[in-house]
ModelCIF file with pLDDT and N, C-alpha, C, O atoms, coordinates in Angstrom:
data_MODEL
#
_entry.id   MODEL 
#
_entity.id                         1 
_entity.type                       polymer 
_entity.pdbx_number_of_molecules   1 
#
_entity_poly.entity_id                      1 
_entity_poly.type                           'polypeptide(L)' 
_entity_poly.nstd_linkage                   no 
_entity_poly.nstd_monomer                   no 
_entity_poly.pdbx_seq_one_letter_code       AARKAEAERLAPLYRDGAKIREIAAATGRSYGGTRALLLLA 
_entity_poly.pdbx_seq_one_letter_code_can   AARKAEAERLAPLYRDGAKIREIAAATGRSYGGTRALLLLA 
_entity_poly.pdbx_strand_id                 A 
#
loop_
_entity_poly_seq.entity_id 
_entity_poly_seq.num 
_entity_poly_seq.mon_id 
_entity_poly_seq.hetero 
1 1  ALA n 
1 2  ALA n 
1 3  ARG n 
1 4  LYS n 
1 5  ALA n 
1 6  GLU n 
1 7  ALA n 
1 8  GLU n 
1 9  ARG n 
1 10 LEU n 
1 11 ALA n 
1 12 PRO n 
1 13 LEU n 
1 14 TYR n 
1 15 ARG n 
1 16 ASP n 
1 17 GLY n 
1 18 ALA n 
1 19 LYS n 
1 20 ILE n 
1 21 ARG n 
1 22 GLU n 
1 23 ILE n 
1 24 ALA n 
1 25 ALA n 
1 26 ALA n 
1 27 THR n 
1 28 GLY n 
1 29 ARG n 
1 30 SER n 
1 31 TYR n 
1 32 GLY n 
1 33 GLY n 
1 34 THR n 
1 35 ARG n 
1 36 ALA n 
1 37 LEU n 
1 38 LEU n 
1 39 LEU n 
1 40 LEU n 
1 41 ALA n 
#
_struct_asym.id          A 
_struct_asym.entity_id   1 
#
loop_
_ma_qa_metric.id 
_ma_qa_metric.mode 
_ma_qa_metric.name 
_ma_qa_metric.software_group_id 
_ma_qa_metric.type 
1 global pLDDT . pLDDT 
2 local  pLDDT . pLDDT 
#
_ma_qa_metric_global.metric_id      1 
_ma_qa_metric_global.metric_value   96.88 
_ma_qa_metric_global.model_id       1 
_ma_qa_metric_global.ordinal_id     1 
#
loop_
_ma_qa_metric_local.label_asym_id 
_ma_qa_metric_local.label_comp_id 
_ma_qa_metric_local.label_seq_id 
_ma_qa_metric_local.metric_id 
_ma_qa_metric_local.metric_value 
_ma_qa_metric_local.model_id 
_ma_qa_metric_local.ordinal_id 
A ALA 1  2 96.00 1 1  
A ALA 2  2 95.00 1 2  
A ARG 3  2 96.00 1 3  
A LYS 4  2 97.00 1 4  
A ALA 5  2 97.00 1 5  
A GLU 6  2 97.00 1 6  
A ALA 7  2 97.00 1 7  
A GLU 8  2 97.00 1 8  
A ARG 9  2 97.00 1 9  
A LEU 10 2 98.00 1 10 
A ALA 11 2 98.00 1 11 
A PRO 12 2 97.00 1 12 
A LEU 13 2 97.00 1 13 
A TYR 14 2 97.00 1 14 
A ARG 15 2 96.00 1 15 
A ASP 16 2 96.00 1 16 
A GLY 17 2 95.00 1 17 
A ALA 18 2 96.00 1 18 
A LYS 19 2 96.00 1 19 
A ILE 20 2 97.00 1 20 
A ARG 21 2 97.00 1 21 
A GLU 22 2 97.00 1 22 
A ILE 23 2 98.00 1 23 
A ALA 24 2 98.00 1 24 
A ALA 25 2 98.00 1 25 
A ALA 26 2 97.00 1 26 
A THR 27 2 96.00 1 27 
A GLY 28 2 95.00 1 28 
A ARG 29 2 96.00 1 29 
A SER 30 2 96.00 1 30 
A TYR 31 2 97.00 1 31 
A GLY 32 2 97.00 1 32 
A GLY 33 2 96.00 1 33 
A THR 34 2 98.00 1 34 
A ARG 35 2 98.00 1 35 
A ALA 36 2 97.00 1 36 
A LEU 37 2 98.00 1 37 
A LEU 38 2 98.00 1 38 
A LEU 39 2 98.00 1 39 
A LEU 40 2 97.00 1 40 
A ALA 41 2 98.00 1 41 
#
loop_
_atom_site.group_PDB 
_atom_site.id 
_atom_site.type_symbol 
_atom_site.label_atom_id 
_atom_site.label_alt_id 
_atom_site.label_comp_id 
_atom_site.label_asym_id 
_atom_site.label_entity_id 
_atom_site.label_seq_id 
_atom_site.pdbx_PDB_ins_code 
_atom_site.Cartn_x 
_atom_site.Cartn_y 
_atom_site.Cartn_z 
_atom_site.occupancy 
_atom_site.B_iso_or_equiv 
_atom_site.pdbx_formal_charge 
_atom_site.auth_seq_id 
_atom_site.auth_comp_id 
_atom_site.auth_asym_id 
_atom_site.auth_atom_id 
_atom_site.pdbx_PDB_model_num 
ATOM 1   N N  . ALA A 1 1  ? -7.010 -11.678 -7.533 1.00 96.00 ? 1  ALA A N  1 
ATOM 2   C CA . ALA A 1 1  ? -5.813 -12.043 -6.674 1.00 96.00 ? 1  ALA A CA 1 
ATOM 3   C C  . ALA A 1 1  ? -4.352 -11.158 -7.193 1.00 96.00 ? 1  ALA A C  1 
ATOM 4   O O  . ALA A 1 1  ? -3.164 -11.118 -6.874 1.00 96.00 ? 1  ALA A O  1 
ATOM 5   N N  . ALA A 1 2  ? -5.206 -10.549 -8.116 1.00 95.00 ? 2  ALA A N  1 
ATOM 6   C CA . ALA A 1 2  ? -3.273 -9.718  -8.255 1.00 95.00 ? 2  ALA A CA 1 
ATOM 7   C C  . ALA A 1 2  ? -3.779 -8.162  -7.203 1.00 95.00 ? 2  ALA A C  1 
ATOM 8   O O  . ALA A 1 2  ? -2.906 -7.438  -6.724 1.00 95.00 ? 2  ALA A O  1 
ATOM 9   N N  . ARG A 1 3  ? -4.592 -8.010  -7.093 1.00 96.00 ? 3  ARG A N  1 
ATOM 10  C CA . ARG A 1 3  ? -4.901 -6.609  -5.883 1.00 96.00 ? 3  ARG A CA 1 
ATOM 11  C C  . ARG A 1 3  ? -4.950 -6.767  -4.338 1.00 96.00 ? 3  ARG A C  1 
ATOM 12  O O  . ARG A 1 3  ? -5.107 -5.838  -3.546 1.00 96.00 ? 3  ARG A O  1 
ATOM 13  N N  . LYS A 1 4  ? -4.774 -8.239  -3.988 1.00 97.00 ? 4  LYS A N  1 
ATOM 14  C CA . LYS A 1 4  ? -4.505 -9.343  -2.657 1.00 97.00 ? 4  LYS A CA 1 
ATOM 15  C C  . LYS A 1 4  ? -3.348 -9.087  -2.891 1.00 97.00 ? 4  LYS A C  1 
ATOM 16  O O  . LYS A 1 4  ? -2.965 -8.143  -2.201 1.00 97.00 ? 4  LYS A O  1 
ATOM 17  N N  . ALA A 1 5  ? -2.898 -9.325  -3.284 1.00 97.00 ? 5  ALA A N  1 
ATOM 18  C CA . ALA A 1 5  ? -1.329 -10.270 -4.026 1.00 97.00 ? 5  ALA A CA 1 
ATOM 19  C C  . ALA A 1 5  ? -0.214 -8.331  -3.897 1.00 97.00 ? 5  ALA A C  1 
ATOM 20  O O  . ALA A 1 5  ? 0.842  -8.204  -3.276 1.00 97.00 ? 5  ALA A O  1 
ATOM 21  N N  . GLU A 1 6  ? -0.756 -7.481  -4.483 1.00 97.00 ? 6  GLU A N  1 
ATOM 22  C CA . GLU A 1 6  ? 0.037  -5.646  -3.983 1.00 97.00 ? 6  GLU A CA 1 
ATOM 23  C C  . GLU A 1 6  ? -0.636 -5.473  -2.925 1.00 97.00 ? 6  GLU A C  1 
ATOM 24  O O  . GLU A 1 6  ? -0.058 -4.420  -2.657 1.00 97.00 ? 6  GLU A O  1 
ATOM 25  N N  . ALA A 1 7  ? -1.786 -5.656  -1.581 1.00 97.00 ? 7  ALA A N  1 
ATOM 26  C CA . ALA A 1 7  ? -2.523 -4.933  -0.978 1.00 97.00 ? 7  ALA A CA 1 
ATOM 27  C C  . ALA A 1 7  ? -1.716 -5.748  -0.137 1.00 97.00 ? 7  ALA A C  1 
ATOM 28  O O  . ALA A 1 7  ? -1.312 -4.950  0.708  1.00 97.00 ? 7  ALA A O  1 
ATOM 29  N N  . GLU A 1 8  ? -1.104 -7.197  0.212  1.00 97.00 ? 8  GLU A N  1 
ATOM 30  C CA . GLU A 1 8  ? 0.060  -8.086  0.517  1.00 97.00 ? 8  GLU A CA 1 
ATOM 31  C C  . GLU A 1 8  ? 1.143  -7.737  0.629  1.00 97.00 ? 8  GLU A C  1 
ATOM 32  O O  . GLU A 1 8  ? 1.877  -7.730  1.617  1.00 97.00 ? 8  GLU A O  1 
ATOM 33  N N  . ARG A 1 9  ? 1.315  -7.402  -0.459 1.00 97.00 ? 9  ARG A N  1 
ATOM 34  C CA . ARG A 1 9  ? 2.972  -7.171  -0.752 1.00 97.00 ? 9  ARG A CA 1 
ATOM 35  C C  . ARG A 1 9  ? 3.215  -5.479  0.049  1.00 97.00 ? 9  ARG A C  1 
ATOM 36  O O  . ARG A 1 9  ? 4.287  -5.207  0.589  1.00 97.00 ? 9  ARG A O  1 
ATOM 37  N N  . LEU A 1 10 ? 2.115  -4.540  0.002  1.00 98.00 ? 10 LEU A N  1 
ATOM 38  C CA . LEU A 1 10 ? 2.292  -3.393  0.438  1.00 98.00 ? 10 LEU A CA 1 
ATOM 39  C C  . LEU A 1 10 ? 2.383  -2.884  2.036  1.00 98.00 ? 10 LEU A C  1 
ATOM 40  O O  . LEU A 1 10 ? 2.904  -1.873  2.506  1.00 98.00 ? 10 LEU A O  1 
ATOM 41  N N  . ALA A 1 11 ? 1.845  -3.717  2.521  1.00 98.00 ? 11 ALA A N  1 
ATOM 42  C CA . ALA A 1 11 ? 1.461  -3.649  4.143  1.00 98.00 ? 11 ALA A CA 1 
ATOM 43  C C  . ALA A 1 11 ? 2.556  -4.356  4.953  1.00 98.00 ? 11 ALA A C  1 
ATOM 44  O O  . ALA A 1 11 ? 1.918  -4.606  5.976  1.00 98.00 ? 11 ALA A O  1 
ATOM 45  N N  . PRO A 1 12 ? 3.822  -4.852  5.168  1.00 97.00 ? 12 PRO A N  1 
ATOM 46  C CA . PRO A 1 12 ? 4.657  -4.370  5.271  1.00 97.00 ? 12 PRO A CA 1 
ATOM 47  C C  . PRO A 1 12 ? 5.345  -3.514  5.518  1.00 97.00 ? 12 PRO A C  1 
ATOM 48  O O  . PRO A 1 12 ? 5.826  -3.096  6.571  1.00 97.00 ? 12 PRO A O  1 
ATOM 49  N N  . LEU A 1 13 ? 5.457  -2.991  3.697  1.00 97.00 ? 13 LEU A N  1 
ATOM 50  C CA . LEU A 1 13 ? 5.735  -1.372  4.433  1.00 97.00 ? 13 LEU A CA 1 
ATOM 51  C C  . LEU A 1 13 ? 5.346  -0.780  4.917  1.00 97.00 ? 13 LEU A C  1 
ATOM 52  O O  . LEU A 1 13 ? 6.167  0.131   5.024  1.00 97.00 ? 13 LEU A O  1 
ATOM 53  N N  . TYR A 1 14 ? 4.275  -0.474  5.557  1.00 97.00 ? 14 TYR A N  1 
ATOM 54  C CA . TYR A 1 14 ? 3.225  0.461   6.695  1.00 97.00 ? 14 TYR A CA 1 
ATOM 55  C C  . TYR A 1 14 ? 3.811  0.188   8.136  1.00 97.00 ? 14 TYR A C  1 
ATOM 56  O O  . TYR A 1 14 ? 4.267  0.966   8.974  1.00 97.00 ? 14 TYR A O  1 
ATOM 57  N N  . ARG A 1 15 ? 3.512  -2.243  8.142  1.00 96.00 ? 15 ARG A N  1 
ATOM 58  C CA . ARG A 1 15 ? 3.333  -1.922  9.261  1.00 96.00 ? 15 ARG A CA 1 
ATOM 59  C C  . ARG A 1 15 ? 5.527  -1.831  9.586  1.00 96.00 ? 15 ARG A C  1 
ATOM 60  O O  . ARG A 1 15 ? 5.946  -1.716  10.738 1.00 96.00 ? 15 ARG A O  1 
ATOM 61  N N  . ASP A 1 16 ? 6.143  -1.881  8.830  1.00 96.00 ? 16 ASP A N  1 
ATOM 62  C CA . ASP A 1 16 ? 7.262  -1.319  9.099  1.00 96.00 ? 16 ASP A CA 1 
ATOM 63  C C  . ASP A 1 16 ? 7.588  0.508   9.486  1.00 96.00 ? 16 ASP A C  1 
ATOM 64  O O  . ASP A 1 16 ? 8.698  0.823   9.915  1.00 96.00 ? 16 ASP A O  1 
ATOM 65  N N  . GLY A 1 17 ? 6.716  1.357   9.313  1.00 95.00 ? 17 GLY A N  1 
ATOM 66  C CA . GLY A 1 17 ? 7.255  2.468   9.362  1.00 95.00 ? 17 GLY A CA 1 
ATOM 67  C C  . GLY A 1 17 ? 6.762  3.620   8.481  1.00 95.00 ? 17 GLY A C  1 
ATOM 68  O O  . GLY A 1 17 ? 6.753  4.811   8.794  1.00 95.00 ? 17 GLY A O  1 
ATOM 69  N N  . ALA A 1 18 ? 6.226  2.901   6.965  1.00 96.00 ? 18 ALA A N  1 
ATOM 70  C CA . ALA A 1 18 ? 6.334  3.687   6.466  1.00 96.00 ? 18 ALA A CA 1 
ATOM 71  C C  . ALA A 1 18 ? 5.228  4.579   5.859  1.00 96.00 ? 18 ALA A C  1 
ATOM 72  O O  . ALA A 1 18 ? 4.226  3.882   5.701  1.00 96.00 ? 18 ALA A O  1 
ATOM 73  N N  . LYS A 1 19 ? 5.107  5.325   5.624  1.00 96.00 ? 19 LYS A N  1 
ATOM 74  C CA . LYS A 1 19 ? 3.391  6.770   5.682  1.00 96.00 ? 19 LYS A CA 1 
ATOM 75  C C  . LYS A 1 19 ? 3.161  6.459   4.378  1.00 96.00 ? 19 LYS A C  1 
ATOM 76  O O  . LYS A 1 19 ? 3.730  6.594   3.295  1.00 96.00 ? 19 LYS A O  1 
ATOM 77  N N  . ILE A 1 20 ? 2.113  5.982   4.829  1.00 97.00 ? 20 ILE A N  1 
ATOM 78  C CA . ILE A 1 20 ? 0.523  5.223   3.047  1.00 97.00 ? 20 ILE A CA 1 
ATOM 79  C C  . ILE A 1 20 ? 1.277  6.555   1.740  1.00 97.00 ? 20 ILE A C  1 
ATOM 80  O O  . ILE A 1 20 ? 1.526  6.205   0.586  1.00 97.00 ? 20 ILE A O  1 
ATOM 81  N N  . ARG A 1 21 ? 1.535  8.069   2.257  1.00 97.00 ? 21 ARG A N  1 
ATOM 82  C CA . ARG A 1 21 ? 2.125  8.846   1.303  1.00 97.00 ? 21 ARG A CA 1 
ATOM 83  C C  . ARG A 1 21 ? 3.444  8.434   0.137  1.00 97.00 ? 21 ARG A C  1 
ATOM 84  O O  . ARG A 1 21 ? 3.596  8.562   -1.078 1.00 97.00 ? 21 ARG A O  1 
ATOM 85  N N  . GLU A 1 22 ? 4.360  7.809   1.428  1.00 97.00 ? 22 GLU A N  1 
ATOM 86  C CA . GLU A 1 22 ? 5.839  7.408   1.110  1.00 97.00 ? 22 GLU A CA 1 
ATOM 87  C C  . GLU A 1 22 ? 5.757  6.050   0.515  1.00 97.00 ? 22 GLU A C  1 
ATOM 88  O O  . GLU A 1 22 ? 6.750  5.775   -0.159 1.00 97.00 ? 22 GLU A O  1 
ATOM 89  N N  . ILE A 1 23 ? 5.091  5.371   0.561  1.00 98.00 ? 23 ILE A N  1 
ATOM 90  C CA . ILE A 1 23 ? 4.244  4.043   0.206  1.00 98.00 ? 23 ILE A CA 1 
ATOM 91  C C  . ILE A 1 23 ? 3.552  4.441   -1.275 1.00 98.00 ? 23 ILE A C  1 
ATOM 92  O O  . ILE A 1 23 ? 3.957  3.631   -2.109 1.00 98.00 ? 23 ILE A O  1 
ATOM 93  N N  . ALA A 1 24 ? 2.712  5.347   -1.822 1.00 98.00 ? 24 ALA A N  1 
ATOM 94  C CA . ALA A 1 24 ? 1.875  5.903   -2.410 1.00 98.00 ? 24 ALA A CA 1 
ATOM 95  C C  . ALA A 1 24 ? 2.887  6.337   -3.672 1.00 98.00 ? 24 ALA A C  1 
ATOM 96  O O  . ALA A 1 24 ? 2.997  6.026   -4.858 1.00 98.00 ? 24 ALA A O  1 
ATOM 97  N N  . ALA A 1 25 ? 3.383  6.996   -2.982 1.00 98.00 ? 25 ALA A N  1 
ATOM 98  C CA . ALA A 1 25 ? 5.239  7.638   -4.131 1.00 98.00 ? 25 ALA A CA 1 
ATOM 99  C C  . ALA A 1 25 ? 5.856  6.232   -4.473 1.00 98.00 ? 25 ALA A C  1 
ATOM 100 O O  . ALA A 1 25 ? 5.428  5.590   -5.431 1.00 98.00 ? 25 ALA A O  1 
ATOM 101 N N  . ALA A 1 26 ? 6.408  5.979   -4.035 1.00 97.00 ? 26 ALA A N  1 
ATOM 102 C CA . ALA A 1 26 ? 7.202  5.271   -5.169 1.00 97.00 ? 26 ALA A CA 1 
ATOM 103 C C  . ALA A 1 26 ? 6.778  3.345   -5.612 1.00 97.00 ? 26 ALA A C  1 
ATOM 104 O O  . ALA A 1 26 ? 7.458  2.370   -5.932 1.00 97.00 ? 26 ALA A O  1 
ATOM 105 N N  . THR A 1 27 ? 5.243  3.621   -5.377 1.00 96.00 ? 27 THR A N  1 
ATOM 106 C CA . THR A 1 27 ? 5.095  2.959   -6.028 1.00 96.00 ? 27 THR A CA 1 
ATOM 107 C C  . THR A 1 27 ? 3.873  3.076   -7.189 1.00 96.00 ? 27 THR A C  1 
ATOM 108 O O  . THR A 1 27 ? 3.210  2.266   -7.837 1.00 96.00 ? 27 THR A O  1 
ATOM 109 N N  . GLY A 1 28 ? 3.943  4.344   -7.095 1.00 95.00 ? 28 GLY A N  1 
ATOM 110 C CA . GLY A 1 28 ? 3.199  5.512   -7.758 1.00 95.00 ? 28 GLY A CA 1 
ATOM 111 C C  . GLY A 1 28 ? 1.806  5.378   -8.236 1.00 95.00 ? 28 GLY A C  1 
ATOM 112 O O  . GLY A 1 28 ? 1.353  5.597   -9.360 1.00 95.00 ? 28 GLY A O  1 
ATOM 113 N N  . ARG A 1 29 ? 1.094  4.890   -6.930 1.00 96.00 ? 29 ARG A N  1 
ATOM 114 C CA . ARG A 1 29 ? -0.332 5.097   -7.095 1.00 96.00 ? 29 ARG A CA 1 
ATOM 115 C C  . ARG A 1 29 ? -0.508 6.281   -6.318 1.00 96.00 ? 29 ARG A C  1 
ATOM 116 O O  . ARG A 1 29 ? 0.241  7.242   -6.142 1.00 96.00 ? 29 ARG A O  1 
ATOM 117 N N  . SER A 1 30 ? -1.722 6.001   -5.861 1.00 96.00 ? 30 SER A N  1 
ATOM 118 C CA . SER A 1 30 ? -2.849 7.215   -5.585 1.00 96.00 ? 30 SER A CA 1 
ATOM 119 C C  . SER A 1 30 ? -2.888 7.110   -3.955 1.00 96.00 ? 30 SER A C  1 
ATOM 120 O O  . SER A 1 30 ? -3.167 6.029   -3.437 1.00 96.00 ? 30 SER A O  1 
ATOM 121 N N  . TYR A 1 31 ? -2.592 8.295   -3.137 1.00 97.00 ? 31 TYR A N  1 
ATOM 122 C CA . TYR A 1 31 ? -2.759 8.632   -1.583 1.00 97.00 ? 31 TYR A CA 1 
ATOM 123 C C  . TYR A 1 31 ? -4.371 7.103   -1.788 1.00 97.00 ? 31 TYR A C  1 
ATOM 124 O O  . TYR A 1 31 ? -4.084 5.918   -1.619 1.00 97.00 ? 31 TYR A O  1 
ATOM 125 N N  . GLY A 1 32 ? -5.737 7.513   -2.117 1.00 97.00 ? 32 GLY A N  1 
ATOM 126 C CA . GLY A 1 32 ? -6.586 6.958   -2.355 1.00 97.00 ? 32 GLY A CA 1 
ATOM 127 C C  . GLY A 1 32 ? -5.942 4.960   -1.936 1.00 97.00 ? 32 GLY A C  1 
ATOM 128 O O  . GLY A 1 32 ? -5.841 4.064   -1.099 1.00 97.00 ? 32 GLY A O  1 
ATOM 129 N N  . GLY A 1 33 ? -5.639 5.537   -3.745 1.00 96.00 ? 33 GLY A N  1 
ATOM 130 C CA . GLY A 1 33 ? -5.567 3.155   -4.019 1.00 96.00 ? 33 GLY A CA 1 
ATOM 131 C C  . GLY A 1 33 ? -4.734 2.976   -3.156 1.00 96.00 ? 33 GLY A C  1 
ATOM 132 O O  . GLY A 1 33 ? -5.132 1.882   -2.756 1.00 96.00 ? 33 GLY A O  1 
ATOM 133 N N  . THR A 1 34 ? -3.587 3.278   -2.345 1.00 98.00 ? 34 THR A N  1 
ATOM 134 C CA . THR A 1 34 ? -2.570 3.027   -1.321 1.00 98.00 ? 34 THR A CA 1 
ATOM 135 C C  . THR A 1 34 ? -3.387 2.063   -0.004 1.00 98.00 ? 34 THR A C  1 
ATOM 136 O O  . THR A 1 34 ? -3.578 0.887   0.304  1.00 98.00 ? 34 THR A O  1 
ATOM 137 N N  . ARG A 1 35 ? -3.769 3.810   0.614  1.00 98.00 ? 35 ARG A N  1 
ATOM 138 C CA . ARG A 1 35 ? -4.615 3.639   1.687  1.00 98.00 ? 35 ARG A CA 1 
ATOM 139 C C  . ARG A 1 35 ? -6.153 1.987   1.549  1.00 98.00 ? 35 ARG A C  1 
ATOM 140 O O  . ARG A 1 35 ? -6.460 1.063   2.303  1.00 98.00 ? 35 ARG A O  1 
ATOM 141 N N  . ALA A 1 36 ? -6.573 2.390   0.391  1.00 97.00 ? 36 ALA A N  1 
ATOM 142 C CA . ALA A 1 36 ? -7.958 1.514   -0.132 1.00 97.00 ? 36 ALA A CA 1 
ATOM 143 C C  . ALA A 1 36 ? -7.120 -0.248  0.016  1.00 97.00 ? 36 ALA A C  1 
ATOM 144 O O  . ALA A 1 36 ? -7.633 -1.255  0.503  1.00 97.00 ? 36 ALA A O  1 
ATOM 145 N N  . LEU A 1 37 ? -5.684 -0.098  -0.608 1.00 98.00 ? 37 LEU A N  1 
ATOM 146 C CA . LEU A 1 37 ? -4.733 -1.636  -0.545 1.00 98.00 ? 37 LEU A CA 1 
ATOM 147 C C  . LEU A 1 37 ? -4.976 -2.090  0.924  1.00 98.00 ? 37 LEU A C  1 
ATOM 148 O O  . LEU A 1 37 ? -5.331 -3.236  1.199  1.00 98.00 ? 37 LEU A O  1 
ATOM 149 N N  . LEU A 1 38 ? -4.718 -0.924  2.034  1.00 98.00 ? 38 LEU A N  1 
ATOM 150 C CA . LEU A 1 38 ? -3.846 -1.209  2.997  1.00 98.00 ? 38 LEU A CA 1 
ATOM 151 C C  . LEU A 1 38 ? -4.850 -1.609  3.233  1.00 98.00 ? 38 LEU A C  1 
ATOM 152 O O  . LEU A 1 38 ? -5.077 -2.814  3.130  1.00 98.00 ? 38 LEU A O  1 
ATOM 153 N N  . LEU A 1 39 ? -5.559 -0.939  3.533  1.00 98.00 ? 39 LEU A N  1 
ATOM 154 C CA . LEU A 1 39 ? -7.047 -1.903  4.214  1.00 98.00 ? 39 LEU A CA 1 
ATOM 155 C C  . LEU A 1 39 ? -7.794 -3.002  3.284  1.00 98.00 ? 39 LEU A C  1 
ATOM 156 O O  . LEU A 1 39 ? -8.926 -3.152  3.744  1.00 98.00 ? 39 LEU A O  1 
ATOM 157 N N  . LEU A 1 40 ? -7.701 -3.376  2.770  1.00 97.00 ? 40 LEU A N  1 
ATOM 158 C CA . LEU A 1 40 ? -7.569 -4.413  1.830  1.00 97.00 ? 40 LEU A CA 1 
ATOM 159 C C  . LEU A 1 40 ? -6.029 -5.963  2.914  1.00 97.00 ? 40 LEU A C  1 
ATOM 160 O O  . LEU A 1 40 ? -5.793 -6.852  2.096  1.00 97.00 ? 40 LEU A O  1 
ATOM 161 N N  . ALA A 1 41 ? -5.946 -5.990  3.058  1.00 98.00 ? 41 ALA A N  1 
ATOM 162 C CA . ALA A 1 41 ? -4.579 -6.423  3.581  1.00 98.00 ? 41 ALA A CA 1 
ATOM 163 C C  . ALA A 1 41 ? -5.042 -6.651  5.008  1.00 98.00 ? 41 ALA A C  1 
ATOM 164 O O  . ALA A 1 41 ? -4.242 -7.032  5.863  1.00 98.00 ? 41 ALA A O  1 
#
């Protein structure tokens, strides 16, 4: 549930125009991990 909740939290950032790399840097996650969370959402 924590993974799904994080994915749902990050999705609006990307939909509003943020780049995957920007989201990754802001959250301290890797590019690949951030991308995977976005796909999960």
